[in-house]
Amino acid sequence: MRGSAFTVSRTILYQAEHNPSQRDQHILSIAARGRLGWQEATDYGQRALVETAMGRYKALIGSRLLARSHSGQQAEAAVGVAILNHMLDAGRPDSVRRLNVSA
């Protein structure tokens, strides 16, 4: 048997620390800050919000534009975004924070 898992993992960690790829940098950041700290530092939540918004758009409007001209595609996308925003506003409650009042 050549080498042990310990030797291999030490070699990988050495390479990650001295010549880190983007993935290695993220792994080292997670090790140093923890997963939540890494997500905050890399703005990971923003990416998830954008992916969710695009998923909503594609589910409601469609996955491709039907207009052929560039100006028509821009207008189609603008209308789709306006419709999506209107639907989201209609489903979002108007919340008001109230003080806890004991009866």
Protein backbone atom coordinates (compact mmCIF):
# COMPACT_ATOMS: atom_id res chain seq x y z
CA MET A 1 0.00 0.00 0.00
CA ARG A 2 1.51 3.33 -1.07
CA GLY A 3 1.23 6.14 1.43
CA SER A 4 -1.57 6.64 3.85
CA ALA A 5 -4.65 8.83 3.74
CA PHE A 6 -2.92 11.06 6.31
CA THR A 7 0.08 11.63 4.01
CA VAL A 8 -2.18 12.38 1.04
CA SER A 9 -4.30 14.85 3.02
CA ARG A 10 -1.15 16.59 4.35
CA THR A 11 0.13 16.93 0.78
CA ILE A 12 -3.17 18.38 -0.39
CA LEU A 13 -3.25 20.85 2.51
CA TYR A 14 0.35 21.88 1.79
CA GLN A 15 -0.50 22.54 -1.88
CA ALA A 16 -3.66 24.41 -0.90
CA GLU A 17 -1.75 26.70 1.48
CA HIS A 18 1.20 27.45 -0.82
CA ASN A 19 -0.43 27.61 -4.25
CA PRO A 20 -4.18 27.81 -3.60
CA SER A 21 -6.73 27.57 -6.38
CA GLN A 22 -10.00 29.49 -6.02
CA ARG A 23 -11.61 26.38 -4.56
CA ASP A 24 -8.73 25.95 -2.12
CA GLN A 25 -9.05 29.59 -1.06
CA HIS A 26 -12.72 29.03 -0.27
CA ILE A 27 -11.94 25.86 1.69
CA LEU A 28 -9.26 27.66 3.71
CA SER A 29 -11.65 30.56 4.33
CA ILE A 30 -14.33 28.15 5.57
CA ALA A 31 -11.76 26.52 7.86
CA ALA A 32 -10.67 29.90 9.24
CA ARG A 33 -14.05 31.68 9.55
CA GLY A 34 -16.59 28.89 9.63
CA ARG A 35 -19.29 28.36 7.02
CA LEU A 36 -21.43 31.35 8.04
CA GLY A 37 -18.41 33.66 8.12
CA TRP A 38 -17.38 32.48 4.65
CA GLN A 39 -20.90 33.02 3.30
CA GLU A 40 -20.93 36.56 4.69
CA ALA A 41 -17.45 37.35 3.35
CA THR A 42 -18.22 36.08 -0.17
CA ASP A 43 -21.76 37.50 -0.27
CA TYR A 44 -23.05 33.98 -0.87
CA GLY A 45 -26.61 34.92 0.14
CA GLN A 46 -26.80 37.46 -2.69
CA ARG A 47 -26.03 34.73 -5.20
CA ALA A 48 -28.82 32.57 -3.82
CA LEU A 49 -31.28 35.47 -4.06
CA VAL A 50 -30.34 36.11 -7.69
CA GLU A 51 -30.69 32.42 -8.58
CA THR A 52 -34.11 32.34 -6.91
CA ALA A 53 -35.22 35.45 -8.82
CA MET A 54 -34.09 33.99 -12.14
CA GLY A 55 -35.87 30.73 -11.34
CA ARG A 56 -39.09 32.63 -10.64
CA TYR A 57 -38.75 34.62 -13.85
CA LYS A 58 -38.21 31.50 -15.96
CA ALA A 59 -41.06 29.61 -14.30
CA LEU A 60 -43.57 32.44 -14.81
CA ILE A 61 -42.44 34.11 -18.04
CA GLY A 62 -40.57 31.33 -19.82
CA SER A 63 -36.99 30.27 -20.31
CA ARG A 64 -36.42 32.16 -23.58
CA LEU A 65 -37.37 35.38 -25.29
CA LEU A 66 -39.76 35.21 -28.24
CA ALA A 67 -38.97 38.59 -29.82
CA ARG A 68 -36.45 38.54 -32.66
CA SER A 69 -35.05 42.07 -32.58
CA HIS A 70 -32.81 43.31 -29.77
CA SER A 71 -35.15 46.18 -28.91
CA GLY A 72 -38.08 43.75 -28.87
CA GLN A 73 -36.15 41.43 -26.54
CA GLN A 74 -35.37 44.35 -24.23
CA ALA A 75 -39.05 45.34 -24.14
CA GLU A 76 -40.11 41.73 -23.55
CA ALA A 77 -37.67 41.36 -20.64
CA ALA A 78 -38.79 44.70 -19.15
CA VAL A 79 -42.45 43.66 -19.32
CA GLY A 80 -41.61 40.28 -17.76
CA VAL A 81 -39.76 41.94 -14.88
CA ALA A 82 -42.62 44.41 -14.34
CA ILE A 83 -45.13 41.53 -14.22
CA LEU A 84 -42.95 39.55 -11.81
CA ASN A 85 -42.47 42.57 -9.53
CA HIS A 86 -46.21 43.27 -9.56
CA MET A 87 -46.98 39.65 -8.64
CA LEU A 88 -44.40 39.66 -5.84
CA ASP A 89 -45.77 42.95 -4.46
CA ALA A 90 -49.31 41.57 -4.53
CA GLY A 91 -48.27 38.53 -2.50
CA ARG A 92 -46.08 40.36 -0.01
CA PRO A 93 -47.87 41.41 3.18
CA ASP A 94 -47.59 44.95 4.50
CA SER A 95 -45.99 44.29 7.86
CA VAL A 96 -45.88 46.75 10.72
CA ARG A 97 -43.79 46.11 13.81
CA ARG A 98 -45.80 46.68 16.95
CA LEU A 99 -44.76 46.92 20.54
CA ASN A 100 -45.73 44.00 22.74
CA VAL A 101 -48.64 45.32 24.73
CA SER A 102 -49.78 43.23 27.65
CA ALA A 103 -53.51 43.14 28.23
